[in-house]
Amino acid sequence: MGKYFGREPRYSREEIERQAQEAIDARVNLGRPPAEDWQPLQVRLDDIDHAIVARGLPEPEPLRAPAAPPARPARLRRPVPAAD
């Protein structure tokens, strides 16, 4: 693999954790999107909420007695060797 594509760099655990923390910090520093970006999603969520309330709760299933354990298969008798 190294012949055509080069070798992959080896990072220490500390370096990997540092890079991950930098990526997290960069994403957090972008801040929360403006409220108007959430408006189309909020309208759809309101529609879903109303549909769930209108549908109501489902009927609970009746309790059933526990099923009997499966029957054990009958033992097969092995042939007895003939006595000479």
N, C-alpha and C. Protein backbone atom coordinates (compact mmCIF):
# COMPACT_ATOMS: atom_id res chain seq x y z
N MET A 1 0.83 -1.19 0.00
CA MET A 1 0.00 0.00 0.00
C MET A 1 0.87 1.24 0.00
N GLY A 2 1.94 1.22 0.75
CA GLY A 2 2.80 2.38 0.85
C GLY A 2 3.48 2.74 -0.46
N LYS A 3 3.63 1.78 -1.34
CA LYS A 3 4.32 2.02 -2.60
C LYS A 3 3.56 3.02 -3.48
N TYR A 4 2.24 2.89 -3.54
CA TYR A 4 1.46 3.74 -4.44
C TYR A 4 0.79 4.92 -3.74
N PHE A 5 0.39 4.75 -2.53
CA PHE A 5 -0.40 5.79 -1.87
C PHE A 5 0.33 6.46 -0.72
N GLY A 6 1.48 6.03 -0.39
CA GLY A 6 2.19 6.61 0.75
C GLY A 6 1.70 5.98 2.04
N ARG A 7 2.40 6.23 3.08
CA ARG A 7 2.02 5.65 4.37
C ARG A 7 1.10 6.61 5.11
N GLU A 8 0.19 6.01 5.88
CA GLU A 8 -0.69 6.83 6.69
C GLU A 8 0.10 7.38 7.87
N PRO A 9 -0.16 8.64 8.21
CA PRO A 9 0.56 9.20 9.36
C PRO A 9 0.11 8.52 10.65
N ARG A 10 1.01 8.35 11.56
CA ARG A 10 0.70 7.77 12.88
C ARG A 10 0.59 8.91 13.87
N TYR A 11 -0.56 9.00 14.52
CA TYR A 11 -0.78 10.04 15.51
C TYR A 11 -0.83 9.42 16.90
N SER A 12 -0.37 10.17 17.87
CA SER A 12 -0.48 9.71 19.25
C SER A 12 -1.92 9.96 19.72
N ARG A 13 -2.27 9.33 20.80
CA ARG A 13 -3.62 9.50 21.35
C ARG A 13 -3.87 10.97 21.70
N GLU A 14 -2.85 11.63 22.24
CA GLU A 14 -2.99 13.03 22.61
C GLU A 14 -3.25 13.90 21.38
N GLU A 15 -2.56 13.59 20.28
CA GLU A 15 -2.75 14.37 19.05
C GLU A 15 -4.15 14.17 18.48
N ILE A 16 -4.64 12.94 18.51
CA ILE A 16 -5.99 12.65 18.01
C ILE A 16 -7.02 13.38 18.87
N GLU A 17 -6.84 13.34 20.19
CA GLU A 17 -7.78 14.03 21.09
C GLU A 17 -7.72 15.53 20.89
N ARG A 18 -6.52 16.07 20.66
CA ARG A 18 -6.38 17.51 20.43
C ARG A 18 -7.10 17.92 19.15
N GLN A 19 -6.92 17.15 18.07
CA GLN A 19 -7.60 17.46 16.81
C GLN A 19 -9.11 17.37 16.95
N ALA A 20 -9.58 16.36 17.68
CA ALA A 20 -11.02 16.22 17.89
C ALA A 20 -11.57 17.39 18.68
N GLN A 21 -10.86 17.81 19.72
CA GLN A 21 -11.32 18.94 20.53
C GLN A 21 -11.33 20.22 19.71
N GLU A 22 -10.35 20.41 18.84
CA GLU A 22 -10.33 21.60 17.98
C GLU A 22 -11.53 21.60 17.04
N ALA A 23 -11.87 20.44 16.49
CA ALA A 23 -13.03 20.35 15.60
C ALA A 23 -14.32 20.66 16.35
N ILE A 24 -14.44 20.15 17.57
CA ILE A 24 -15.63 20.43 18.39
C ILE A 24 -15.70 21.92 18.72
N ASP A 25 -14.59 22.50 19.13
CA ASP A 25 -14.58 23.92 19.48
C ASP A 25 -14.93 24.79 18.28
N ALA A 26 -14.42 24.43 17.10
CA ALA A 26 -14.72 25.21 15.90
C ALA A 26 -16.22 25.17 15.60
N ARG A 27 -16.84 24.00 15.77
CA ARG A 27 -18.27 23.87 15.50
C ARG A 27 -19.10 24.63 16.53
N VAL A 28 -18.69 24.58 17.80
CA VAL A 28 -19.43 25.28 18.85
C VAL A 28 -19.31 26.79 18.66
N ASN A 29 -18.16 27.25 18.20
CA ASN A 29 -17.95 28.69 18.03
C ASN A 29 -18.78 29.27 16.89
N LEU A 30 -19.32 28.41 16.03
CA LEU A 30 -20.21 28.93 14.98
C LEU A 30 -21.50 29.47 15.57
N GLY A 31 -21.86 28.98 16.73
CA GLY A 31 -23.05 29.48 17.41
C GLY A 31 -24.32 28.82 16.89
N ARG A 32 -25.43 29.21 17.52
CA ARG A 32 -26.73 28.67 17.14
C ARG A 32 -27.22 29.38 15.88
N PRO A 33 -27.84 28.63 14.96
CA PRO A 33 -28.37 29.28 13.75
C PRO A 33 -29.49 30.27 14.13
N PRO A 34 -29.74 31.25 13.29
CA PRO A 34 -30.80 32.21 13.59
C PRO A 34 -32.17 31.53 13.65
N ALA A 35 -33.09 32.13 14.38
CA ALA A 35 -34.43 31.55 14.58
C ALA A 35 -35.16 31.33 13.27
N GLU A 36 -34.96 32.20 12.29
CA GLU A 36 -35.69 32.04 11.01
C GLU A 36 -35.24 30.78 10.25
N ASP A 37 -34.05 30.26 10.54
CA ASP A 37 -33.63 29.01 9.91
C ASP A 37 -34.45 27.82 10.42
N TRP A 38 -35.01 27.95 11.63
CA TRP A 38 -35.79 26.87 12.23
C TRP A 38 -37.28 26.95 11.89
N GLN A 39 -37.72 28.05 11.30
CA GLN A 39 -39.14 28.27 11.07
C GLN A 39 -39.80 27.17 10.21
N PRO A 40 -39.25 26.75 9.07
CA PRO A 40 -39.92 25.69 8.29
C PRO A 40 -40.03 24.38 9.07
N LEU A 41 -39.02 24.07 9.83
CA LEU A 41 -39.05 22.84 10.63
C LEU A 41 -40.08 22.95 11.74
N GLN A 42 -40.19 24.11 12.37
CA GLN A 42 -41.15 24.29 13.46
C GLN A 42 -42.57 24.13 12.96
N VAL A 43 -42.88 24.63 11.77
CA VAL A 43 -44.22 24.48 11.20
C VAL A 43 -44.54 23.00 11.00
N ARG A 44 -43.60 22.25 10.49
CA ARG A 44 -43.80 20.82 10.27
C ARG A 44 -43.96 20.07 11.59
N LEU A 45 -43.16 20.42 12.60
CA LEU A 45 -43.29 19.79 13.91
C LEU A 45 -44.65 20.09 14.54
N ASP A 46 -45.17 21.30 14.35
CA ASP A 46 -46.50 21.63 14.86
C ASP A 46 -47.57 20.77 14.19
N ASP A 47 -47.45 20.56 12.87
CA ASP A 47 -48.40 19.70 12.15
C ASP A 47 -48.35 18.28 12.69
N ILE A 48 -47.17 17.77 12.95
CA ILE A 48 -47.02 16.41 13.48
C ILE A 48 -47.63 16.32 14.87
N ASP A 49 -47.41 17.32 15.72
CA ASP A 49 -47.99 17.32 17.06
C ASP A 49 -49.51 17.27 17.01
N HIS A 50 -50.11 18.08 16.13
CA HIS A 50 -51.58 18.09 16.01
C HIS A 50 -52.10 16.75 15.51
N ALA A 51 -51.40 16.12 14.59
CA ALA A 51 -51.83 14.82 14.06
C ALA A 51 -51.76 13.75 15.14
N ILE A 52 -50.74 13.80 15.97
CA ILE A 52 -50.61 12.81 17.04
C ILE A 52 -51.72 12.98 18.07
N VAL A 53 -52.04 14.22 18.43
CA VAL A 53 -53.09 14.47 19.40
C VAL A 53 -54.44 14.05 18.84
N ALA A 54 -54.70 14.33 17.57
CA ALA A 54 -55.98 13.97 16.95
C ALA A 54 -56.14 12.46 16.85
N ARG A 55 -55.07 11.75 16.65
CA ARG A 55 -55.15 10.29 16.51
C ARG A 55 -55.46 9.63 17.84
N GLY A 56 -55.02 10.18 18.93
CA GLY A 56 -55.30 9.62 20.24
C GLY A 56 -54.35 8.49 20.59
N LEU A 57 -54.56 7.93 21.78
CA LEU A 57 -53.71 6.85 22.24
C LEU A 57 -54.17 5.52 21.66
N PRO A 58 -53.26 4.63 21.36
CA PRO A 58 -53.67 3.32 20.85
C PRO A 58 -54.29 2.48 21.97
N GLU A 59 -55.17 1.56 21.58
CA GLU A 59 -55.77 0.64 22.54
C GLU A 59 -54.72 -0.33 23.03
N PRO A 60 -54.66 -0.58 24.33
CA PRO A 60 -53.67 -1.55 24.82
C PRO A 60 -54.07 -2.96 24.39
N GLU A 61 -53.07 -3.78 24.13
CA GLU A 61 -53.34 -5.16 23.76
C GLU A 61 -53.78 -5.94 24.98
N PRO A 62 -54.75 -6.86 24.82
CA PRO A 62 -55.17 -7.65 25.98
C PRO A 62 -54.04 -8.57 26.44
N LEU A 63 -54.03 -8.82 27.74
CA LEU A 63 -52.99 -9.70 28.28
C LEU A 63 -53.30 -11.13 27.88
N ARG A 64 -52.28 -11.85 27.53
CA ARG A 64 -52.42 -13.25 27.16
C ARG A 64 -51.69 -14.11 28.16
N ALA A 65 -52.18 -15.33 28.31
CA ALA A 65 -51.51 -16.28 29.19
C ALA A 65 -50.17 -16.65 28.56
N PRO A 66 -49.16 -16.91 29.37
CA PRO A 66 -47.86 -17.27 28.79
C PRO A 66 -47.98 -18.58 28.01
N ALA A 67 -47.28 -18.65 26.93
CA ALA A 67 -47.31 -19.84 26.09
C ALA A 67 -46.61 -20.99 26.79
N ALA A 68 -47.10 -22.19 26.52
CA ALA A 68 -46.47 -23.38 27.10
C ALA A 68 -45.10 -23.57 26.46
N PRO A 69 -44.16 -24.11 27.21
CA PRO A 69 -42.83 -24.33 26.62
C PRO A 69 -42.93 -25.36 25.49
N PRO A 70 -42.06 -25.29 24.54
CA PRO A 70 -42.13 -26.24 23.42
C PRO A 70 -41.92 -27.67 23.92
N ALA A 71 -42.62 -28.59 23.30
CA ALA A 71 -42.51 -30.00 23.70
C ALA A 71 -41.14 -30.52 23.32
N ARG A 72 -40.62 -31.40 24.18
CA ARG A 72 -39.32 -32.00 23.89
C ARG A 72 -39.52 -33.06 22.82
N PRO A 73 -38.61 -33.17 21.92
CA PRO A 73 -38.74 -34.20 20.89
C PRO A 73 -38.59 -35.59 21.52
N ALA A 74 -39.31 -36.54 20.94
CA ALA A 74 -39.24 -37.91 21.46
C ALA A 74 -37.83 -38.44 21.24
N ARG A 75 -37.37 -39.22 22.21
CA ARG A 75 -36.03 -39.80 22.08
C ARG A 75 -36.08 -40.93 21.07
N LEU A 76 -35.12 -40.91 20.23
CA LEU A 76 -35.02 -41.99 19.25
C LEU A 76 -34.23 -43.14 19.87
N ARG A 77 -34.71 -44.32 19.67
CA ARG A 77 -34.01 -45.48 20.21
C ARG A 77 -32.92 -45.86 19.23
N ARG A 78 -31.77 -46.10 19.76
CA ARG A 78 -30.65 -46.52 18.92
C ARG A 78 -30.74 -48.02 18.70
N PRO A 79 -30.39 -48.47 17.52
CA PRO A 79 -30.44 -49.92 17.28
C PRO A 79 -29.40 -50.64 18.14
N VAL A 80 -29.80 -51.76 18.67
CA VAL A 80 -28.92 -52.55 19.52
C VAL A 80 -28.16 -53.50 18.60
N PRO A 81 -26.84 -53.59 18.75
CA PRO A 81 -26.10 -54.49 17.86
C PRO A 81 -26.53 -55.95 18.13
N ALA A 82 -26.60 -56.68 17.07
CA ALA A 82 -27.02 -58.09 17.17
C ALA A 82 -25.94 -58.89 17.87
N ALA A 83 -26.36 -59.79 18.75
CA ALA A 83 -25.43 -60.66 19.46
C ALA A 83 -25.15 -61.88 18.61
N ASP A 84 -23.92 -62.25 18.41
CA ASP A 84 -23.59 -63.43 17.60
C ASP A 84 -23.43 -64.63 18.43
